[in-house]
């Protein structure tokens, strides 16, 4: 940009300066191309990392299920199958999303706007579907963890509710919901 500024400052005619402004406008599409592409890429990278962490837990989950009581293995195996299916779906959507990034270019924005817009929409949809799959996999992992945690304490998966708090002690805050749940559920 510094060299373009110097070139623009050195222009001696209005027509040449107008051409330089035109070139800046058409060649540096920070708001239309770079920011959306970079934002989507960051989201993609986060989801890829979460997917890799969840995928890396599979041996630990399999080992924990094999050590679970026989009466709970069917439920655990069903949750684990859904967990793997959700991760597989998320991975296929992430692969599809990855294929869209090269289409998000200044050249396509300028010369093939419909192609650019379609790629951006497809990228958003692929990432949204992948995000949903990762959240569902994290939910399955959370349920698996709860069942396994119930086994460690000697209780069944359907534990009794905690005793009511007395009026003199404040009730503990509810567990945080939403973001980060899948990372808290990672520890088995």
N, C-alpha and C. Protein backbone atom coordinates (compact mmCIF):
# COMPACT_ATOMS: atom_id res chain seq x y z
N UNK A 1 0.83 -1.19 0.00
CA UNK A 1 0.00 0.00 0.00
C UNK A 1 0.88 1.26 0.00
N UNK A 2 2.05 1.18 0.62
CA UNK A 2 2.94 2.34 0.65
C UNK A 2 3.38 2.71 -0.76
N UNK A 3 3.69 1.69 -1.55
CA UNK A 3 4.14 1.97 -2.92
C UNK A 3 2.98 2.55 -3.75
N UNK A 4 1.77 2.08 -3.51
CA UNK A 4 0.61 2.63 -4.22
C UNK A 4 0.38 4.07 -3.82
N UNK A 5 0.55 4.38 -2.53
CA UNK A 5 0.38 5.77 -2.07
C UNK A 5 1.42 6.67 -2.74
N UNK A 6 2.66 6.19 -2.79
CA UNK A 6 3.71 6.98 -3.44
C UNK A 6 3.40 7.19 -4.92
N UNK A 7 2.91 6.16 -5.58
CA UNK A 7 2.56 6.28 -6.99
C UNK A 7 1.41 7.27 -7.17
N UNK A 8 0.41 7.19 -6.31
CA UNK A 8 -0.73 8.10 -6.40
C UNK A 8 -0.28 9.54 -6.15
N UNK A 9 0.58 9.74 -5.16
CA UNK A 9 1.09 11.09 -4.88
C UNK A 9 1.93 11.65 -6.04
N UNK A 10 2.58 10.77 -6.79
CA UNK A 10 3.45 11.22 -7.88
C UNK A 10 2.71 11.47 -9.19
N UNK A 11 1.45 11.08 -9.27
CA UNK A 11 0.69 11.28 -10.50
C UNK A 11 0.53 12.77 -10.79
N UNK A 12 0.63 13.11 -12.08
CA UNK A 12 0.56 14.53 -12.47
C UNK A 12 -0.76 14.89 -13.13
N UNK A 13 -1.54 13.87 -13.51
CA UNK A 13 -2.84 14.18 -14.14
C UNK A 13 -3.97 13.54 -13.34
N UNK A 14 -5.12 14.13 -13.45
CA UNK A 14 -6.30 13.61 -12.74
C UNK A 14 -6.69 12.24 -13.29
N UNK A 15 -6.56 12.04 -14.57
CA UNK A 15 -6.92 10.76 -15.17
C UNK A 15 -6.03 9.63 -14.63
N UNK A 16 -4.75 9.90 -14.49
CA UNK A 16 -3.82 8.88 -13.96
C UNK A 16 -4.14 8.60 -12.49
N UNK A 17 -4.45 9.66 -11.72
CA UNK A 17 -4.81 9.47 -10.31
C UNK A 17 -6.11 8.68 -10.19
N UNK A 18 -7.08 9.00 -11.06
CA UNK A 18 -8.35 8.27 -11.07
C UNK A 18 -8.11 6.79 -11.37
N UNK A 19 -7.20 6.49 -12.28
CA UNK A 19 -6.88 5.09 -12.60
C UNK A 19 -6.26 4.40 -11.39
N UNK A 20 -5.40 5.10 -10.66
CA UNK A 20 -4.80 4.53 -9.46
C UNK A 20 -5.87 4.23 -8.40
N UNK A 21 -6.81 5.14 -8.22
CA UNK A 21 -7.90 4.93 -7.26
C UNK A 21 -8.74 3.74 -7.72
N UNK A 22 -9.01 3.66 -8.98
CA UNK A 22 -9.74 2.52 -9.54
C UNK A 22 -9.02 1.21 -9.25
N UNK A 23 -7.70 1.19 -9.45
CA UNK A 23 -6.91 -0.02 -9.20
C UNK A 23 -6.94 -0.40 -7.72
N UNK A 24 -6.85 0.57 -6.84
CA UNK A 24 -6.92 0.29 -5.40
C UNK A 24 -8.27 -0.33 -5.05
N UNK A 25 -9.32 0.28 -5.58
CA UNK A 25 -10.67 -0.21 -5.28
C UNK A 25 -10.85 -1.65 -5.77
N UNK A 26 -10.40 -1.94 -6.99
CA UNK A 26 -10.65 -3.26 -7.56
C UNK A 26 -9.63 -4.30 -7.14
N UNK A 27 -8.46 -3.92 -6.68
CA UNK A 27 -7.42 -4.90 -6.33
C UNK A 27 -7.28 -5.16 -4.84
N UNK A 28 -7.80 -4.31 -4.01
CA UNK A 28 -7.65 -4.49 -2.56
C UNK A 28 -9.04 -4.56 -1.94
N UNK A 29 -9.62 -5.75 -1.93
CA UNK A 29 -10.99 -5.97 -1.47
C UNK A 29 -11.01 -6.47 -0.03
N UNK A 30 -10.50 -5.70 0.89
CA UNK A 30 -10.38 -6.14 2.27
C UNK A 30 -11.73 -6.49 2.88
N UNK A 31 -12.75 -5.70 2.63
CA UNK A 31 -14.04 -5.94 3.27
C UNK A 31 -14.86 -7.01 2.56
N UNK A 32 -14.75 -7.08 1.26
CA UNK A 32 -15.57 -8.02 0.50
C UNK A 32 -14.96 -9.41 0.41
N UNK A 33 -13.63 -9.50 0.44
CA UNK A 33 -12.98 -10.78 0.20
C UNK A 33 -12.14 -11.24 1.39
N UNK A 34 -11.21 -10.43 1.81
CA UNK A 34 -10.21 -10.87 2.79
C UNK A 34 -10.83 -11.13 4.16
N UNK A 35 -11.62 -10.22 4.67
CA UNK A 35 -12.17 -10.40 6.02
C UNK A 35 -13.12 -11.60 6.08
N UNK A 36 -14.07 -11.75 5.16
CA UNK A 36 -14.92 -12.95 5.24
C UNK A 36 -14.12 -14.25 5.12
N UNK A 37 -13.16 -14.27 4.21
CA UNK A 37 -12.35 -15.48 4.02
C UNK A 37 -11.53 -15.79 5.26
N UNK A 38 -10.92 -14.78 5.85
CA UNK A 38 -10.09 -14.97 7.04
C UNK A 38 -10.93 -15.39 8.24
N UNK A 39 -12.09 -14.79 8.40
CA UNK A 39 -12.99 -15.15 9.50
C UNK A 39 -13.43 -16.60 9.37
N UNK A 40 -13.84 -17.00 8.18
CA UNK A 40 -14.28 -18.38 7.96
C UNK A 40 -13.12 -19.35 8.16
N UNK A 41 -11.91 -18.95 7.76
CA UNK A 41 -10.74 -19.82 7.92
C UNK A 41 -10.42 -20.01 9.40
N UNK A 42 -10.55 -18.96 10.18
CA UNK A 42 -10.30 -19.08 11.63
C UNK A 42 -11.32 -20.04 12.25
N UNK A 43 -12.59 -19.90 11.88
CA UNK A 43 -13.63 -20.79 12.38
C UNK A 43 -13.34 -22.23 11.96
N UNK A 44 -12.92 -22.41 10.72
CA UNK A 44 -12.55 -23.73 10.21
C UNK A 44 -11.41 -24.33 11.04
N UNK A 45 -10.38 -23.53 11.32
CA UNK A 45 -9.22 -24.01 12.07
C UNK A 45 -9.62 -24.44 13.49
N UNK A 46 -10.48 -23.67 14.14
CA UNK A 46 -10.94 -24.04 15.49
C UNK A 46 -11.68 -25.37 15.43
N UNK A 47 -12.60 -25.49 14.48
CA UNK A 47 -13.36 -26.74 14.38
C UNK A 47 -12.46 -27.92 14.03
N UNK A 48 -11.46 -27.73 13.20
CA UNK A 48 -10.53 -28.81 12.86
C UNK A 48 -9.77 -29.26 14.10
N UNK A 49 -9.36 -28.31 14.92
CA UNK A 49 -8.65 -28.66 16.16
C UNK A 49 -9.55 -29.41 17.13
N UNK A 50 -10.79 -28.96 17.28
CA UNK A 50 -11.74 -29.65 18.16
C UNK A 50 -11.98 -31.06 17.64
N UNK A 51 -12.17 -31.19 16.33
CA UNK A 51 -12.38 -32.50 15.73
C UNK A 51 -11.20 -33.42 16.02
N UNK A 52 -9.99 -32.92 15.86
CA UNK A 52 -8.80 -33.75 16.10
C UNK A 52 -8.74 -34.19 17.57
N UNK A 53 -9.09 -33.29 18.48
CA UNK A 53 -9.07 -33.65 19.91
C UNK A 53 -10.13 -34.70 20.22
N UNK A 54 -11.32 -34.52 19.67
CA UNK A 54 -12.38 -35.49 19.91
C UNK A 54 -12.04 -36.84 19.26
N UNK A 55 -11.47 -36.82 18.08
CA UNK A 55 -11.06 -38.05 17.40
C UNK A 55 -9.96 -38.76 18.19
N UNK A 56 -9.06 -37.99 18.78
CA UNK A 56 -7.97 -38.56 19.57
C UNK A 56 -8.44 -39.25 20.85
N UNK A 57 -9.65 -38.97 21.27
CA UNK A 57 -10.18 -39.60 22.48
C UNK A 57 -10.76 -40.98 22.23
N UNK A 58 -10.93 -41.37 20.99
CA UNK A 58 -11.59 -42.64 20.68
C UNK A 58 -10.96 -43.84 21.38
N UNK A 59 -9.63 -43.99 21.40
CA UNK A 59 -9.06 -45.15 22.12
C UNK A 59 -9.39 -45.14 23.62
N UNK A 60 -9.37 -43.97 24.23
CA UNK A 60 -9.71 -43.89 25.66
C UNK A 60 -11.17 -44.25 25.90
N UNK A 61 -12.04 -43.79 25.00
CA UNK A 61 -13.47 -44.08 25.15
C UNK A 61 -13.70 -45.59 24.99
N UNK A 62 -13.08 -46.19 23.98
CA UNK A 62 -13.24 -47.63 23.76
C UNK A 62 -12.76 -48.42 24.97
N UNK A 63 -11.63 -48.00 25.54
CA UNK A 63 -11.09 -48.68 26.72
C UNK A 63 -12.05 -48.53 27.91
N UNK A 64 -12.56 -47.34 28.09
CA UNK A 64 -13.48 -47.11 29.22
C UNK A 64 -14.77 -47.90 29.05
N UNK A 65 -15.28 -48.00 27.82
CA UNK A 65 -16.50 -48.76 27.58
C UNK A 65 -16.26 -50.24 27.84
N UNK A 66 -15.09 -50.74 27.45
CA UNK A 66 -14.79 -52.16 27.66
C UNK A 66 -14.70 -52.49 29.15
N UNK A 67 -14.40 -51.52 29.98
CA UNK A 67 -14.29 -51.74 31.43
C UNK A 67 -15.59 -51.43 32.17
N UNK A 68 -16.59 -50.94 31.45
CA UNK A 68 -17.88 -50.60 32.07
C UNK A 68 -18.67 -51.87 32.39
N UNK A 69 -19.61 -51.78 33.33
CA UNK A 69 -20.45 -52.95 33.63
C UNK A 69 -21.21 -53.39 32.38
N UNK A 70 -21.42 -54.68 32.26
CA UNK A 70 -22.06 -55.26 31.08
C UNK A 70 -23.44 -54.67 30.83
N UNK A 71 -24.17 -54.34 31.87
CA UNK A 71 -25.52 -53.81 31.73
C UNK A 71 -25.58 -52.43 31.11
N UNK A 72 -24.48 -51.72 31.11
CA UNK A 72 -24.46 -50.36 30.56
C UNK A 72 -23.71 -50.26 29.24
N UNK A 73 -23.08 -51.34 28.82
CA UNK A 73 -22.30 -51.31 27.58
C UNK A 73 -23.15 -51.05 26.36
N UNK A 74 -24.37 -51.58 26.32
CA UNK A 74 -25.21 -51.37 25.15
C UNK A 74 -25.51 -49.89 24.97
N UNK A 75 -25.87 -49.21 26.04
CA UNK A 75 -26.14 -47.77 25.96
C UNK A 75 -24.86 -47.01 25.60
N UNK A 76 -23.76 -47.39 26.22
CA UNK A 76 -22.49 -46.71 25.93
C UNK A 76 -22.08 -46.93 24.48
N UNK A 77 -22.23 -48.15 23.98
CA UNK A 77 -21.88 -48.43 22.59
C UNK A 77 -22.76 -47.66 21.62
N UNK A 78 -24.04 -47.51 21.95
CA UNK A 78 -24.94 -46.73 21.10
C UNK A 78 -24.50 -45.27 21.07
N UNK A 79 -24.19 -44.72 22.23
CA UNK A 79 -23.71 -43.33 22.29
C UNK A 79 -22.39 -43.19 21.54
N UNK A 80 -21.52 -44.17 21.70
CA UNK A 80 -20.21 -44.12 21.05
C UNK A 80 -20.36 -44.21 19.53
N UNK A 81 -21.28 -45.05 19.05
CA UNK A 81 -21.52 -45.14 17.61
C UNK A 81 -22.02 -43.82 17.06
N UNK A 82 -22.93 -43.18 17.79
CA UNK A 82 -23.43 -41.87 17.35
C UNK A 82 -22.30 -40.83 17.39
N UNK A 83 -21.46 -40.90 18.42
CA UNK A 83 -20.31 -40.01 18.55
C UNK A 83 -19.42 -40.11 17.31
N UNK A 84 -19.09 -41.35 16.91
CA UNK A 84 -18.24 -41.55 15.74
C UNK A 84 -18.94 -41.09 14.46
N UNK A 85 -20.24 -41.33 14.36
CA UNK A 85 -20.98 -40.90 13.16
C UNK A 85 -21.01 -39.38 13.06
N UNK A 86 -21.20 -38.70 14.18
CA UNK A 86 -21.22 -37.24 14.18
C UNK A 86 -19.85 -36.68 13.80
N UNK A 87 -18.79 -37.29 14.32
CA UNK A 87 -17.44 -36.84 13.95
C UNK A 87 -17.17 -37.08 12.47
N UNK A 88 -17.62 -38.20 11.96
CA UNK A 88 -17.43 -38.51 10.54
C UNK A 88 -18.15 -37.48 9.67
N UNK A 89 -19.38 -37.15 10.03
CA UNK A 89 -20.14 -36.14 9.29
C UNK A 89 -19.45 -34.78 9.37
N UNK A 90 -18.98 -34.42 10.55
CA UNK A 90 -18.29 -33.13 10.72
C UNK A 90 -17.03 -33.10 9.86
N UNK A 91 -16.29 -34.20 9.83
CA UNK A 91 -15.07 -34.24 9.03
C UNK A 91 -15.37 -34.11 7.54
N UNK A 92 -16.43 -34.75 7.07
CA UNK A 92 -16.76 -34.63 5.64
C UNK A 92 -17.18 -33.20 5.31
N UNK A 93 -17.90 -32.54 6.22
CA UNK A 93 -18.29 -31.15 5.99
C UNK A 93 -17.07 -30.22 6.06
N UNK A 94 -16.13 -30.52 6.94
CA UNK A 94 -14.91 -29.71 7.00
C UNK A 94 -14.09 -29.89 5.72
N UNK A 95 -14.05 -31.10 5.18
CA UNK A 95 -13.36 -31.32 3.91
C UNK A 95 -14.02 -30.53 2.79
N UNK A 96 -15.36 -30.53 2.77
CA UNK A 96 -16.08 -29.76 1.76
C UNK A 96 -15.81 -28.26 1.92
N UNK A 97 -15.77 -27.81 3.17
CA UNK A 97 -15.51 -26.39 3.43
C UNK A 97 -14.11 -26.01 2.95
N UNK A 98 -13.16 -26.88 3.20
CA UNK A 98 -11.78 -26.59 2.79
C UNK A 98 -11.68 -26.37 1.29
N UNK A 99 -12.48 -27.08 0.54
CA UNK A 99 -12.46 -26.93 -0.92
C UNK A 99 -13.00 -25.59 -1.41
N UNK A 100 -13.68 -24.86 -0.57
CA UNK A 100 -14.28 -23.57 -0.99
C UNK A 100 -13.31 -22.40 -0.86
N UNK A 101 -12.27 -22.52 -0.06
CA UNK A 101 -11.41 -21.37 0.22
C UNK A 101 -10.70 -20.82 -1.01
N UNK A 102 -10.25 -21.69 -1.91
CA UNK A 102 -9.55 -21.20 -3.10
C UNK A 102 -10.46 -20.39 -4.02
N UNK A 103 -11.75 -20.66 -3.97
CA UNK A 103 -12.70 -19.94 -4.82
C UNK A 103 -12.95 -18.52 -4.31
N UNK A 104 -12.66 -18.28 -3.04
CA UNK A 104 -12.87 -16.95 -2.46
C UNK A 104 -11.66 -16.07 -2.75
N UNK A 105 -11.60 -15.58 -3.98
CA UNK A 105 -10.46 -14.75 -4.40
C UNK A 105 -10.96 -13.42 -4.95
N UNK A 106 -10.05 -12.47 -5.02
CA UNK A 106 -10.38 -11.17 -5.58
C UNK A 106 -10.79 -11.33 -7.05
N UNK A 107 -10.10 -12.19 -7.77
CA UNK A 107 -10.43 -12.39 -9.19
C UNK A 107 -11.86 -12.90 -9.34
N UNK A 108 -12.26 -13.85 -8.52
CA UNK A 108 -13.64 -14.34 -8.61
C UNK A 108 -14.64 -13.29 -8.14
N UNK A 109 -14.25 -12.51 -7.15
CA UNK A 109 -15.15 -11.44 -6.70
C UNK A 109 -15.39 -10.44 -7.82
N UNK A 110 -14.32 -10.11 -8.55
CA UNK A 110 -14.43 -9.12 -9.63
C UNK A 110 -15.07 -9.68 -10.89
N UNK A 111 -14.69 -10.89 -11.27
CA UNK A 111 -15.07 -11.42 -12.58
C UNK A 111 -16.15 -12.49 -12.57
N UNK A 112 -16.33 -13.14 -11.45
CA UNK A 112 -17.32 -14.23 -11.36
C UNK A 112 -18.02 -14.12 -10.01
N UNK A 113 -18.72 -13.01 -9.82
CA UNK A 113 -19.33 -12.72 -8.52
C UNK A 113 -20.26 -13.83 -8.07
N UNK A 114 -21.04 -14.41 -8.97
CA UNK A 114 -21.97 -15.48 -8.59
C UNK A 114 -21.20 -16.69 -8.06
N UNK A 115 -20.07 -17.00 -8.67
CA UNK A 115 -19.23 -18.11 -8.20
C UNK A 115 -18.70 -17.82 -6.81
N UNK A 116 -18.23 -16.59 -6.61
CA UNK A 116 -17.71 -16.17 -5.31
C UNK A 116 -18.80 -16.28 -4.24
N UNK A 117 -19.98 -15.73 -4.52
CA UNK A 117 -21.08 -15.73 -3.54
C UNK A 117 -21.56 -17.16 -3.24
N UNK A 118 -21.61 -17.99 -4.27
CA UNK A 118 -22.02 -19.39 -4.06
C UNK A 118 -21.01 -20.11 -3.18
N UNK A 119 -19.73 -19.89 -3.44
CA UNK A 119 -18.69 -20.53 -2.64
C UNK A 119 -18.75 -20.06 -1.19
N UNK A 120 -18.98 -18.77 -0.97
CA UNK A 120 -19.07 -18.24 0.39
C UNK A 120 -20.30 -18.82 1.11
N UNK A 121 -21.42 -18.92 0.42
CA UNK A 121 -22.63 -19.51 1.01
C UNK A 121 -22.41 -20.99 1.31
N UNK A 122 -21.81 -21.71 0.38
CA UNK A 122 -21.53 -23.13 0.60
C UNK A 122 -20.57 -23.32 1.77
N UNK A 123 -19.57 -22.46 1.86
CA UNK A 123 -18.62 -22.53 2.97
C UNK A 123 -19.33 -22.33 4.30
N UNK A 124 -20.18 -21.32 4.37
CA UNK A 124 -20.93 -21.08 5.61
C UNK A 124 -21.81 -22.27 5.98
N UNK A 125 -22.49 -22.83 4.98
CA UNK A 125 -23.36 -23.99 5.23
C UNK A 125 -22.55 -25.20 5.68
N UNK A 126 -21.42 -25.47 5.01
CA UNK A 126 -20.57 -26.60 5.39
C UNK A 126 -20.06 -26.44 6.82
N UNK A 127 -19.61 -25.23 7.15
CA UNK A 127 -19.11 -25.00 8.50
C UNK A 127 -20.22 -25.10 9.54
N UNK A 128 -21.39 -24.63 9.21
CA UNK A 128 -22.51 -24.72 10.14
C UNK A 128 -22.88 -26.18 10.41
N UNK A 129 -22.92 -26.98 9.37
CA UNK A 129 -23.24 -28.40 9.53
C UNK A 129 -22.14 -29.11 10.32
N UNK A 130 -20.88 -28.78 10.04
CA UNK A 130 -19.77 -29.37 10.79
C UNK A 130 -19.85 -28.98 12.26
N UNK A 131 -20.17 -27.73 12.52
CA UNK A 131 -20.30 -27.25 13.90
C UNK A 131 -21.40 -28.01 14.64
N UNK A 132 -22.52 -28.23 13.97
CA UNK A 132 -23.62 -28.99 14.57
C UNK A 132 -23.17 -30.41 14.89
N UNK A 133 -22.46 -31.04 13.97
CA UNK A 133 -21.95 -32.40 14.21
C UNK A 133 -20.99 -32.46 15.38
N UNK A 134 -20.11 -31.47 15.48
CA UNK A 134 -19.16 -31.45 16.60
C UNK A 134 -19.88 -31.25 17.93
N UNK A 135 -20.90 -30.40 17.94
CA UNK A 135 -21.67 -30.19 19.17
C UNK A 135 -22.41 -31.46 19.58
N UNK A 136 -22.98 -32.17 18.60
CA UNK A 136 -23.67 -33.42 18.92
C UNK A 136 -22.69 -34.47 19.42
N UNK A 137 -21.52 -34.55 18.81
CA UNK A 137 -20.49 -35.49 19.27
C UNK A 137 -20.07 -35.15 20.70
N UNK A 138 -19.92 -33.87 20.98
CA UNK A 138 -19.57 -33.45 22.34
C UNK A 138 -20.68 -33.82 23.32
N UNK A 139 -21.93 -33.70 22.89
CA UNK A 139 -23.04 -34.10 23.74
C UNK A 139 -23.03 -35.59 24.02
N UNK A 140 -22.74 -36.40 22.99
CA UNK A 140 -22.62 -37.85 23.19
C UNK A 140 -21.48 -38.16 24.17
N UNK A 141 -20.36 -37.47 24.00
CA UNK A 141 -19.22 -37.68 24.89
C UNK A 141 -19.59 -37.31 26.32
N UNK A 142 -20.34 -36.24 26.47
CA UNK A 142 -20.78 -35.81 27.80
C UNK A 142 -21.65 -36.89 28.45
N UNK A 143 -22.57 -37.47 27.69
CA UNK A 143 -23.43 -38.53 28.22
C UNK A 143 -22.61 -39.77 28.58
N UNK A 144 -21.65 -40.12 27.73
CA UNK A 144 -20.77 -41.26 28.02
C UNK A 144 -20.03 -41.00 29.32
N UNK A 145 -19.51 -39.81 29.45
CA UNK A 145 -18.75 -39.45 30.66
C UNK A 145 -19.62 -39.54 31.90
N UNK A 146 -20.87 -39.07 31.81
CA UNK A 146 -21.76 -39.13 32.96
C UNK A 146 -22.03 -40.57 33.37
N UNK A 147 -22.26 -41.43 32.40
CA UNK A 147 -22.52 -42.84 32.71
C UNK A 147 -21.29 -43.46 33.35
N UNK A 148 -20.13 -43.19 32.77
CA UNK A 148 -18.90 -43.76 33.32
C UNK A 148 -18.57 -43.19 34.69
N UNK A 149 -18.85 -41.92 34.90
CA UNK A 149 -18.61 -41.31 36.22
C UNK A 149 -19.54 -41.92 37.26
N UNK A 150 -20.77 -42.26 36.86
CA UNK A 150 -21.70 -42.92 37.76
C UNK A 150 -21.18 -44.28 38.16
N UNK A 151 -20.48 -44.97 37.27
CA UNK A 151 -19.92 -46.29 37.57
C UNK A 151 -18.78 -46.19 38.56
N UNK A 152 -17.98 -45.16 38.47
CA UNK A 152 -16.84 -45.02 39.37
C UNK A 152 -17.30 -44.80 40.80
N UNK A 153 -18.43 -44.11 40.95
CA UNK A 153 -18.94 -43.85 42.30
C UNK A 153 -19.78 -44.99 42.83
N UNK A 154 -19.95 -46.05 42.04
CA UNK A 154 -20.74 -47.18 42.48
C UNK A 154 -22.22 -46.98 42.27
N UNK A 155 -22.61 -45.85 41.70
CA UNK A 155 -24.03 -45.58 41.46
C UNK A 155 -24.37 -45.93 40.03
N UNK A 156 -25.63 -46.04 39.76
CA UNK A 156 -26.05 -46.32 38.39
C UNK A 156 -26.06 -45.03 37.59
N UNK A 157 -26.37 -45.16 36.30
CA UNK A 157 -26.39 -43.98 35.43
C UNK A 157 -27.49 -43.01 35.82
N UNK A 158 -28.53 -43.51 36.45
CA UNK A 158 -29.61 -42.63 36.90
C UNK A 158 -29.44 -42.42 38.40
N UNK A 159 -28.70 -41.42 38.74
CA UNK A 159 -28.40 -41.15 40.14
C UNK A 159 -29.53 -40.36 40.79
N UNK A 160 -29.62 -40.49 42.09
CA UNK A 160 -30.62 -39.74 42.85
C UNK A 160 -30.23 -38.28 42.88
N UNK A 161 -31.20 -37.37 42.93
CA UNK A 161 -30.86 -35.95 43.00
C UNK A 161 -30.17 -35.63 44.31
N UNK A 162 -29.34 -34.60 44.35
CA UNK A 162 -28.65 -34.25 45.58
C UNK A 162 -29.66 -33.76 46.61
N UNK A 163 -29.31 -33.87 47.90
CA UNK A 163 -30.22 -33.40 48.93
C UNK A 163 -30.45 -31.90 48.81
N UNK A 164 -31.63 -31.47 49.24
CA UNK A 164 -31.96 -30.05 49.17
C UNK A 164 -31.03 -29.26 50.07
N UNK A 165 -30.62 -28.10 49.60
CA UNK A 165 -29.73 -27.24 50.38
C UNK A 165 -30.51 -26.60 51.52
N UNK A 166 -29.84 -26.45 52.63
CA UNK A 166 -30.51 -25.79 53.76
C UNK A 166 -30.60 -24.30 53.47
N UNK A 167 -31.47 -23.64 54.19
CA UNK A 167 -31.68 -22.21 53.94
C UNK A 167 -30.48 -21.38 54.36
N UNK A 168 -29.59 -21.93 55.18
CA UNK A 168 -28.45 -21.13 55.64
C UNK A 168 -27.30 -21.12 54.64
N UNK A 169 -27.24 -22.11 53.74
CA UNK A 169 -26.14 -22.11 52.77
C UNK A 169 -26.70 -21.81 51.38
N UNK A 170 -26.01 -20.97 50.63
CA UNK A 170 -26.50 -20.64 49.29
C UNK A 170 -26.35 -21.83 48.35
N UNK A 171 -27.25 -21.90 47.39
CA UNK A 171 -27.20 -22.98 46.40
C UNK A 171 -26.02 -22.75 45.47
N UNK A 172 -25.36 -23.82 45.06
CA UNK A 172 -24.24 -23.63 44.13
C UNK A 172 -24.77 -23.15 42.78
N UNK A 173 -23.93 -22.43 42.04
CA UNK A 173 -24.39 -21.94 40.74
C UNK A 173 -24.59 -23.11 39.79
N UNK A 174 -25.49 -22.96 38.81
CA UNK A 174 -25.70 -24.04 37.85
C UNK A 174 -24.47 -24.19 36.98
N UNK A 175 -24.25 -25.39 36.42
CA UNK A 175 -23.09 -25.57 35.55
C UNK A 175 -23.21 -24.69 34.32
N UNK A 176 -22.06 -24.25 33.83
CA UNK A 176 -22.04 -23.40 32.64
C UNK A 176 -22.52 -24.21 31.45
N UNK A 177 -23.32 -23.58 30.62
CA UNK A 177 -23.83 -24.26 29.43
C UNK A 177 -23.23 -23.62 28.20
N UNK A 178 -23.31 -24.32 27.10
CA UNK A 178 -22.88 -23.75 25.83
C UNK A 178 -21.42 -23.96 25.55
N UNK A 179 -20.73 -22.89 25.27
CA UNK A 179 -19.36 -22.97 24.81
C UNK A 179 -18.45 -23.62 25.85
N UNK A 180 -17.51 -24.37 25.36
CA UNK A 180 -16.53 -25.00 26.20
C UNK A 180 -16.97 -26.32 26.78
N UNK A 181 -18.25 -26.65 26.64
CA UNK A 181 -18.74 -27.89 27.23
C UNK A 181 -18.00 -29.08 26.64
N UNK A 182 -17.74 -29.05 25.34
CA UNK A 182 -17.08 -30.20 24.73
C UNK A 182 -15.65 -30.35 25.26
N UNK A 183 -15.00 -29.26 25.62
CA UNK A 183 -13.65 -29.36 26.15
C UNK A 183 -13.66 -29.84 27.60
N UNK A 184 -14.71 -29.47 28.36
CA UNK A 184 -14.82 -29.98 29.73
C UNK A 184 -15.14 -31.46 29.71
N UNK A 185 -15.85 -31.91 28.72
CA UNK A 185 -16.26 -33.31 28.63
C UNK A 185 -15.15 -34.21 28.11
N UNK A 186 -14.03 -33.61 27.69
CA UNK A 186 -12.97 -34.38 27.10
C UNK A 186 -12.31 -35.31 28.11
N UNK A 187 -12.22 -34.93 29.37
CA UNK A 187 -11.56 -35.75 30.37
C UNK A 187 -12.48 -36.87 30.79
N UNK A 188 -12.05 -38.08 30.56
CA UNK A 188 -12.84 -39.25 30.97
C UNK A 188 -12.39 -39.77 32.31
